[in-house]
PDB file of N, CA and C in Angstrom:
ATOM      1  N   UNK A   1       0.302 -17.799 -27.350  1.00  0.00           N
ATOM      2  CA  UNK A   1       0.900 -17.990 -25.774  1.00  0.00           C
ATOM      3  C   UNK A   1       1.093 -19.148 -25.404  1.00  0.00           C
ATOM      4  N   UNK A   2       2.120 -19.484 -24.502  1.00  0.00           N
ATOM      5  CA  UNK A   2       2.121 -20.481 -23.660  1.00  0.00           C
ATOM      6  C   UNK A   2       1.143 -20.739 -22.444  1.00  0.00           C
ATOM      7  N   UNK A   3       0.612 -21.650 -22.218  1.00  0.00           N
ATOM      8  CA  UNK A   3      -0.373 -21.813 -21.021  1.00  0.00           C
ATOM      9  C   UNK A   3       0.171 -22.024 -19.880  1.00  0.00           C
ATOM     10  N   UNK A   4      -0.182 -21.640 -18.733  1.00  0.00           N
ATOM     11  CA  UNK A   4       0.202 -21.964 -17.639  1.00  0.00           C
ATOM     12  C   UNK A   4       1.577 -21.376 -16.959  1.00  0.00           C
ATOM     13  N   UNK A   5       1.727 -20.286 -17.739  1.00  0.00           N
ATOM     14  CA  UNK A   5       3.437 -19.581 -17.310  1.00  0.00           C
ATOM     15  C   UNK A   5       2.724 -18.380 -16.702  1.00  0.00           C
ATOM     16  N   UNK A   6       1.593 -17.554 -16.900  1.00  0.00           N
ATOM     17  CA  UNK A   6       1.209 -16.435 -16.222  1.00  0.00           C
ATOM     18  C   UNK A   6       0.828 -16.523 -14.824  1.00  0.00           C
ATOM     19  N   UNK A   7       1.253 -15.603 -14.393  1.00  0.00           N
ATOM     20  CA  UNK A   7       0.686 -15.552 -12.903  1.00  0.00           C
ATOM     21  C   UNK A   7      -0.835 -15.032 -12.772  1.00  0.00           C
ATOM     22  N   UNK A   8      -1.463 -15.384 -11.561  1.00  0.00           N
ATOM     23  CA  UNK A   8      -2.951 -15.286 -11.642  1.00  0.00           C
ATOM     24  C   UNK A   8      -3.229 -13.787 -11.391  1.00  0.00           C
ATOM     25  N   UNK A   9      -4.089 -13.177 -12.425  1.00  0.00           N
ATOM     26  CA  UNK A   9      -4.307 -11.789 -12.461  1.00  0.00           C
ATOM     27  C   UNK A   9      -5.718 -11.667 -12.151  1.00  0.00           C
ATOM     28  N   UNK A  10      -5.922 -11.119 -10.746  1.00  0.00           N
ATOM     29  CA  UNK A  10      -7.463 -11.043 -10.226  1.00  0.00           C
ATOM     30  C   UNK A  10      -7.709  -9.759  -9.470  1.00  0.00           C
ATOM     31  N   UNK A  11      -9.028  -9.446  -9.197  1.00  0.00           N
ATOM     32  CA  UNK A  11      -9.366  -8.578  -8.299  1.00  0.00           C
ATOM     33  C   UNK A  11      -8.813  -8.386  -7.025  1.00  0.00           C
ATOM     34  N   UNK A  12      -8.375  -7.250  -6.628  1.00  0.00           N
ATOM     35  CA  UNK A  12      -7.657  -6.807  -5.112  1.00  0.00           C
ATOM     36  C   UNK A  12      -8.095  -5.625  -4.858  1.00  0.00           C
ATOM     37  N   UNK A  13      -8.422  -5.210  -3.345  1.00  0.00           N
ATOM     38  CA  UNK A  13      -8.457  -4.308  -2.983  1.00  0.00           C
ATOM     39  C   UNK A  13      -7.234  -3.836  -2.269  1.00  0.00           C
ATOM     40  N   UNK A  14      -6.957  -2.553  -2.645  1.00  0.00           N
ATOM     41  CA  UNK A  14      -5.839  -1.623  -1.844  1.00  0.00           C
ATOM     42  C   UNK A  14      -6.039  -0.786  -0.889  1.00  0.00           C
ATOM     43  N   UNK A  15      -5.759  -0.556   0.386  1.00  0.00           N
ATOM     44  CA  UNK A  15      -6.273   0.274   1.540  1.00  0.00           C
ATOM     45  C   UNK A  15      -4.948   0.928   2.075  1.00  0.00           C
ATOM     46  N   UNK A  16      -4.865   2.172   2.036  1.00  0.00           N
ATOM     47  CA  UNK A  16      -4.129   3.263   2.399  1.00  0.00           C
ATOM     48  C   UNK A  16      -4.443   3.007   3.908  1.00  0.00           C
ATOM     49  N   UNK A  17      -3.527   2.828   4.671  1.00  0.00           N
ATOM     50  CA  UNK A  17      -3.966   2.521   6.029  1.00  0.00           C
ATOM     51  C   UNK A  17      -3.406   4.118   7.007  1.00  0.00           C
ATOM     52  N   UNK A  18      -2.984   4.778   6.336  1.00  0.00           N
ATOM     53  CA  UNK A  18      -3.003   6.178   6.907  1.00  0.00           C
ATOM     54  C   UNK A  18      -4.364   7.285   6.463  1.00  0.00           C
ATOM     55  N   UNK A  19      -5.186   6.955   5.594  1.00  0.00           N
ATOM     56  CA  UNK A  19      -6.361   7.773   5.231  1.00  0.00           C
ATOM     57  C   UNK A  19      -7.351   6.600   5.344  1.00  0.00           C
ATOM     58  N   UNK A  20      -7.485   5.268   5.361  1.00  0.00           N
ATOM     59  CA  UNK A  20      -8.470   4.455   5.094  1.00  0.00           C
ATOM     60  C   UNK A  20      -8.954   4.860   3.622  1.00  0.00           C
ATOM     61  N   UNK A  21      -8.177   5.089   2.868  1.00  0.00           N
ATOM     62  CA  UNK A  21      -8.614   5.335   1.019  1.00  0.00           C
ATOM     63  C   UNK A  21      -8.432   3.965   0.612  1.00  0.00           C
ATOM     64  N   UNK A  22      -9.359   3.385   0.076  1.00  0.00           N
ATOM     65  CA  UNK A  22      -9.481   2.229  -0.674  1.00  0.00           C
ATOM     66  C   UNK A  22      -9.802   2.193  -1.997  1.00  0.00           C
ATOM     67  N   UNK A  23      -9.398   1.376  -2.889  1.00  0.00           N
ATOM     68  CA  UNK A  23      -9.625   1.229  -4.076  1.00  0.00           C
ATOM     69  C   UNK A  23      -9.636  -0.228  -4.859  1.00  0.00           C
ATOM     70  N   UNK A  24     -10.406  -0.387  -5.746  1.00  0.00           N
ATOM     71  CA  UNK A  24     -10.623  -1.784  -6.234  1.00  0.00           C
ATOM     72  C   UNK A  24      -9.679  -1.764  -7.593  1.00  0.00           C
ATOM     73  N   UNK A  25      -8.799  -2.648  -7.766  1.00  0.00           N
ATOM     74  CA  UNK A  25      -8.089  -2.905  -9.131  1.00  0.00           C
ATOM     75  C   UNK A  25      -7.917  -4.254  -9.499  1.00  0.00           C
ATOM     76  N   UNK A  26      -7.178  -4.502 -10.356  1.00  0.00           N
ATOM     77  CA  UNK A  26      -6.628  -5.861 -10.687  1.00  0.00           C
ATOM     78  C   UNK A  26      -4.884  -5.919 -10.293  1.00  0.00           C
ATOM     79  N   UNK A  27      -4.381  -7.106 -10.068  1.00  0.00           N
ATOM     80  CA  UNK A  27      -3.279  -7.276  -9.547  1.00  0.00           C
ATOM     81  C   UNK A  27      -2.755  -8.798  -9.385  1.00  0.00           C
ATOM     82  N   UNK A  28      -1.292  -8.991  -9.403  1.00  0.00           N
ATOM     83  CA  UNK A  28      -1.069 -10.549  -9.243  1.00  0.00           C
ATOM     84  C   UNK A  28      -0.830 -10.709  -7.845  1.00  0.00           C
ATOM     85  N   UNK A  29      -0.619  -9.711  -6.767  1.00  0.00           N
ATOM     86  CA  UNK A  29      -0.762  -9.857  -5.490  1.00  0.00           C
ATOM     87  C   UNK A  29      -1.796 -10.527  -4.852  1.00  0.00           C
ATOM     88  N   UNK A  30      -1.652 -11.354  -3.963  1.00  0.00           N
ATOM     89  CA  UNK A  30      -2.608 -11.781  -2.918  1.00  0.00           C
ATOM     90  C   UNK A  30      -2.312 -11.550  -1.382  1.00  0.00           C
ATOM     91  N   UNK A  31      -3.372 -12.043  -0.811  1.00  0.00           N
ATOM     92  CA  UNK A  31      -3.238 -11.656   0.436  1.00  0.00           C
ATOM     93  C   UNK A  31      -4.447 -12.902   1.152  1.00  0.00           C
ATOM     94  N   UNK A  32      -3.988 -12.951   2.536  1.00  0.00           N
ATOM     95  CA  UNK A  32      -4.870 -13.727   3.272  1.00  0.00           C
ATOM     96  C   UNK A  32      -6.026 -13.090   3.676  1.00  0.00           C
ATOM     97  N   UNK A  33      -5.809 -11.882   4.284  1.00  0.00           N
ATOM     98  CA  UNK A  33      -6.905 -10.839   4.359  1.00  0.00           C
ATOM     99  C   UNK A  33      -8.015 -10.744   3.365  1.00  0.00           C
ATOM    100  N   UNK A  34      -9.128 -10.573   3.699  1.00  0.00           N
ATOM    101  CA  UNK A  34     -10.146 -10.142   2.495  1.00  0.00           C
ATOM    102  C   UNK A  34     -11.048  -8.979   3.175  1.00  0.00           C
ATOM    103  N   UNK A  35     -11.824  -8.473   2.584  1.00  0.00           N
ATOM    104  CA  UNK A  35     -12.618  -7.272   2.512  1.00  0.00           C
ATOM    105  C   UNK A  35     -13.903  -7.337   1.766  1.00  0.00           C
ATOM    106  N   UNK A  36     -15.206  -6.961   2.488  1.00  0.00           N
ATOM    107  CA  UNK A  36     -16.186  -6.797   1.684  1.00  0.00           C
ATOM    108  C   UNK A  36     -16.237  -5.498   0.678  1.00  0.00           C
ATOM    109  N   UNK A  37     -16.437  -5.752  -0.631  1.00  0.00           N
ATOM    110  CA  UNK A  37     -16.530  -4.367  -1.246  1.00  0.00           C
ATOM    111  C   UNK A  37     -17.838  -3.829  -1.373  1.00  0.00           C
ATOM    112  N   UNK A  38     -18.174  -2.579  -2.123  1.00  0.00           N
ATOM    113  CA  UNK A  38     -19.512  -2.153  -2.354  1.00  0.00           C
ATOM    114  C   UNK A  38     -20.067  -2.831  -2.950  1.00  0.00           C
ATOM    115  N   UNK A  39     -19.998  -3.836  -3.884  1.00  0.00           N
ATOM    116  CA  UNK A  39     -20.582  -4.597  -4.784  1.00  0.00           C
ATOM    117  C   UNK A  39     -21.124  -6.083  -4.081  1.00  0.00           C
ATOM    118  N   UNK A  40     -20.542  -6.188  -2.900  1.00  0.00           N
ATOM    119  CA  UNK A  40     -21.218  -7.461  -2.038  1.00  0.00           C
ATOM    120  C   UNK A  40     -20.194  -8.735  -2.246  1.00  0.00           C
ATOM    121  N   UNK A  41     -19.183  -8.552  -2.754  1.00  0.00           N
ATOM    122  CA  UNK A  41     -18.259  -9.510  -3.157  1.00  0.00           C
ATOM    123  C   UNK A  41     -17.173  -9.395  -2.293  1.00  0.00           C
ATOM    124  N   UNK A  42     -16.348 -10.225  -1.858  1.00  0.00           N
ATOM    125  CA  UNK A  42     -15.014 -10.259  -0.969  1.00  0.00           C
ATOM    126  C   UNK A  42     -13.941 -10.426  -1.853  1.00  0.00           C
ATOM    127  N   UNK A  43     -12.951  -9.553  -1.405  1.00  0.00           N
ATOM    128  CA  UNK A  43     -11.533  -9.711  -2.441  1.00  0.00           C
ATOM    129  C   UNK A  43     -10.544  -9.564  -1.353  1.00  0.00           C
ATOM    130  N   UNK A  44      -9.370 -10.052  -2.005  1.00  0.00           N
ATOM    131  CA  UNK A  44      -8.183  -9.810  -0.925  1.00  0.00           C
ATOM    132  C   UNK A  44      -7.653  -8.455  -0.794  1.00  0.00           C
ATOM    133  N   UNK A  45      -7.497  -8.447   0.520  1.00  0.00           N
ATOM    134  CA  UNK A  45      -6.741  -6.817   0.984  1.00  0.00           C
ATOM    135  C   UNK A  45      -5.507  -6.940   1.080  1.00  0.00           C
ATOM    136  N   UNK A  46      -5.067  -5.836   0.314  1.00  0.00           N
ATOM    137  CA  UNK A  46      -3.374  -5.258   0.452  1.00  0.00           C
ATOM    138  C   UNK A  46      -3.176  -3.911   1.161  1.00  0.00           C
ATOM    139  N   UNK A  47      -2.763  -4.042   2.080  1.00  0.00           N
ATOM    140  CA  UNK A  47      -2.537  -2.782   3.093  1.00  0.00           C
ATOM    141  C   UNK A  47      -1.173  -1.758   2.638  1.00  0.00           C
ATOM    142  N   UNK A  48      -1.311  -0.485   2.121  1.00  0.00           N
ATOM    143  CA  UNK A  48      -0.172   0.231   1.814  1.00  0.00           C
ATOM    144  C   UNK A  48       0.001   1.202   2.599  1.00  0.00           C
ATOM    145  N   UNK A  49       1.308   1.844   2.792  1.00  0.00           N
ATOM    146  CA  UNK A  49       1.206   2.881   3.509  1.00  0.00           C
ATOM    147  C   UNK A  49       1.170   4.164   2.951  1.00  0.00           C
ATOM    148  N   UNK A  50       1.227   4.542   1.630  1.00  0.00           N
ATOM    149  CA  UNK A  50       0.854   5.461   0.950  1.00  0.00           C
ATOM    150  C   UNK A  50       0.296   5.192  -0.355  1.00  0.00           C
ATOM    151  N   UNK A  51      -0.743   6.441  -0.719  1.00  0.00           N
ATOM    152  CA  UNK A  51      -1.233   6.035  -2.054  1.00  0.00           C
ATOM    153  C   UNK A  51      -1.638   7.455  -2.592  1.00  0.00           C
ATOM    154  N   UNK A  52      -2.189   7.574  -3.549  1.00  0.00           N
ATOM    155  CA  UNK A  52      -2.642   9.102  -4.069  1.00  0.00           C
ATOM    156  C   UNK A  52      -3.350   9.961  -3.244  1.00  0.00           C
ATOM    157  N   UNK A  53      -3.990   9.224  -1.986  1.00  0.00           N
ATOM    158  CA  UNK A  53      -4.675   9.970  -1.130  1.00  0.00           C
ATOM    159  C   UNK A  53      -3.789  10.714  -0.078  1.00  0.00           C
ATOM    160  N   UNK A  54      -2.504  10.157   0.267  1.00  0.00           N
ATOM    161  CA  UNK A  54      -1.862  10.821   1.288  1.00  0.00           C
ATOM    162  C   UNK A  54      -0.397  11.101   0.609  1.00  0.00           C
ATOM    163  N   UNK A  55      -0.250  11.025  -0.804  1.00  0.00           N
ATOM    164  CA  UNK A  55       1.061  11.185  -1.277  1.00  0.00           C
ATOM    165  C   UNK A  55       1.262  12.884  -1.483  1.00  0.00           C
ATOM    166  N   UNK A  56       2.503  13.373  -1.125  1.00  0.00           N
ATOM    167  CA  UNK A  56       2.769  15.021  -1.213  1.00  0.00           C
ATOM    168  C   UNK A  56       2.461  15.431  -2.646  1.00  0.00           C
ATOM    169  N   UNK A  57       2.775  14.736  -3.813  1.00  0.00           N
ATOM    170  CA  UNK A  57       2.772  15.027  -5.048  1.00  0.00           C
ATOM    171  C   UNK A  57       1.328  15.444  -5.431  1.00  0.00           C
ATOM    172  N   UNK A  58       0.346  14.362  -4.933  1.00  0.00           N
ATOM    173  CA  UNK A  58      -0.913  14.311  -5.091  1.00  0.00           C
ATOM    174  C   UNK A  58      -1.630  15.552  -4.509  1.00  0.00           C
ATOM    175  N   UNK A  59      -1.709  15.401  -3.080  1.00  0.00           N
ATOM    176  CA  UNK A  59      -2.193  16.321  -2.324  1.00  0.00           C
ATOM    177  C   UNK A  59      -1.646  17.543  -2.228  1.00  0.00           C
ATOM    178  N   UNK A  60      -0.492  17.816  -2.789  1.00  0.00           N
ATOM    179  CA  UNK A  60      -0.236  19.366  -2.813  1.00  0.00           C
ATOM    180  C   UNK A  60       0.528  19.806  -1.301  1.00  0.00           C
ATOM    181  N   UNK A  61       0.698  18.853  -0.443  1.00  0.00           N
ATOM    182  CA  UNK A  61       0.912  19.432   1.080  1.00  0.00           C
ATOM    183  C   UNK A  61       2.245  18.361   1.017  1.00  0.00           C
ATOM    184  N   UNK A  62       3.261  19.103   2.009  1.00  0.00           N
ATOM    185  CA  UNK A  62       4.547  18.272   2.021  1.00  0.00           C
ATOM    186  C   UNK A  62       4.683  17.889   3.535  1.00  0.00           C
ATOM    187  N   UNK A  63       4.626  16.531   3.788  1.00  0.00           N
ATOM    188  CA  UNK A  63       4.744  15.940   5.210  1.00  0.00           C
ATOM    189  C   UNK A  63       5.873  15.329   5.477  1.00  0.00           C
ATOM    190  N   UNK A  64       6.345  15.304   6.486  1.00  0.00           N
ATOM    191  CA  UNK A  64       7.553  14.231   6.893  1.00  0.00           C
ATOM    192  C   UNK A  64       6.877  13.059   7.818  1.00  0.00           C
ATOM    193  N   UNK A  65       6.832  12.015   7.185  1.00  0.00           N
ATOM    194  CA  UNK A  65       6.505  10.923   8.011  1.00  0.00           C
ATOM    195  C   UNK A  65       7.371  10.224   8.421  1.00  0.00           C
ATOM    196  N   UNK A  66       7.921  10.344   9.865  1.00  0.00           N
ATOM    197  CA  UNK A  66       8.900   9.797  10.743  1.00  0.00           C
ATOM    198  C   UNK A  66       8.616   8.371  11.064  1.00  0.00           C
ATOM    199  N   UNK A  67       8.203   7.198  10.614  1.00  0.00           N
ATOM    200  CA  UNK A  67       7.656   6.173  11.362  1.00  0.00           C
ATOM    201  C   UNK A  67       9.094   5.577  11.921  1.00  0.00           C
ATOM    202  N   UNK A  68       8.532   4.850  13.074  1.00  0.00           N
ATOM    203  CA  UNK A  68       9.691   4.405  13.938  1.00  0.00           C
ATOM    204  C   UNK A  68      11.292   5.046  14.209  1.00  0.00           C
ATOM    205  N   UNK A  69      11.087   6.418  14.043  1.00  0.00           N
ATOM    206  CA  UNK A  69      12.317   7.182  14.351  1.00  0.00           C
ATOM    207  C   UNK A  69      13.449   7.070  13.165  1.00  0.00           C
ATOM    208  N   UNK A  70      12.923   6.632  12.108  1.00  0.00           N
ATOM    209  CA  UNK A  70      14.283   6.535  11.053  1.00  0.00           C
ATOM    210  C   UNK A  70      15.263   7.651  10.949  1.00  0.00           C
ATOM    211  N   UNK A  71      14.817   8.862  11.194  1.00  0.00           N
ATOM    212  CA  UNK A  71      16.064   9.698  11.080  1.00  0.00           C
ATOM    213  C   UNK A  71      16.697   9.814  12.040  1.00  0.00           C
ATOM    214  N   UNK A  72      16.146   9.627  13.579  1.00  0.00           N
ATOM    215  CA  UNK A  72      16.992   9.429  14.782  1.00  0.00           C
ATOM    216  C   UNK A  72      18.079   8.103  14.686  1.00  0.00           C
ATOM    217  N   UNK A  73      17.463   6.902  14.243  1.00  0.00           N
ATOM    218  CA  UNK A  73      18.272   5.865  14.044  1.00  0.00           C
ATOM    219  C   UNK A  73      19.177   6.063  13.212  1.00  0.00           C
ATOM    220  N   UNK A  74      19.262   6.761  11.854  1.00  0.00           N
ATOM    221  CA  UNK A  74      20.115   7.049  10.887  1.00  0.00           C
ATOM    222  C   UNK A  74      21.175   8.212  11.688  1.00  0.00           C
ATOM    223  N   UNK A  75      20.800   8.836  12.479  1.00  0.00           N
ATOM    224  CA  UNK A  75      21.718   9.936  12.922  1.00  0.00           C
ATOM    225  C   UNK A  75      22.576   9.451  13.871  1.00  0.00           C
ATOM    226  N   UNK A  76      21.915   8.558  14.629  1.00  0.00           N
ATOM    227  CA  UNK A  76      22.690   7.752  15.936  1.00  0.00           C
ATOM    228  C   UNK A  76      23.594   6.792  15.228  1.00  0.00           C
ATOM    229  N   UNK A  77      23.273   6.126  14.262  1.00  0.00           N
ATOM    230  CA  UNK A  77      24.226   5.259  13.638  1.00  0.00           C
ATOM    231  C   UNK A  77      25.325   5.915  12.862  1.00  0.00           C
ATOM    232  N   UNK A  78      25.283   7.013  12.120  1.00  0.00           N
ATOM    233  CA  UNK A  78      26.264   7.489  11.242  1.00  0.00           C
ATOM    234  C   UNK A  78      26.903   8.748  11.813  1.00  0.00           C
ATOM    235  N   UNK A  79      26.406   9.133  13.210  1.00  0.00           N
ATOM    236  CA  UNK A  79      27.093  10.233  13.728  1.00  0.00           C
ATOM    237  C   UNK A  79      28.774  10.475  13.675  1.00  0.00           C
ATOM    238  N   UNK A  80      28.977  11.596  13.444  1.00  0.00           N
ATOM    239  CA  UNK A  80      30.599  11.580  13.629  1.00  0.00           C
ATOM    240  C   UNK A  80      31.038  11.375  15.018  1.00  0.00           C
ATOM    241  N   UNK A  81      32.063  10.698  14.879  1.00  0.00           N
ATOM    242  CA  UNK A  81      32.406  10.251  16.417  1.00  0.00           C
ATOM    243  C   UNK A  81      33.819  11.101  16.724  1.00  0.00           C
TER     244      UNK A  81
END
């Protein structure tokens, strides 16, 4: 393999902002925010809006998340005149 052509692959913590669920994995994403993990080390923190802890497919619950009134904005923009 060629050297220095692959992105940096490192440990990262992903946090679901709606349920405060966190998990440690590896990713090429980076962040200026860091978090201290259970093992005492600090890792970059990536915040996500949905994860397996809140996704309806995994939870078995159907929820409609209308963040910032997206449905209302759509109806207002494309309403029949």
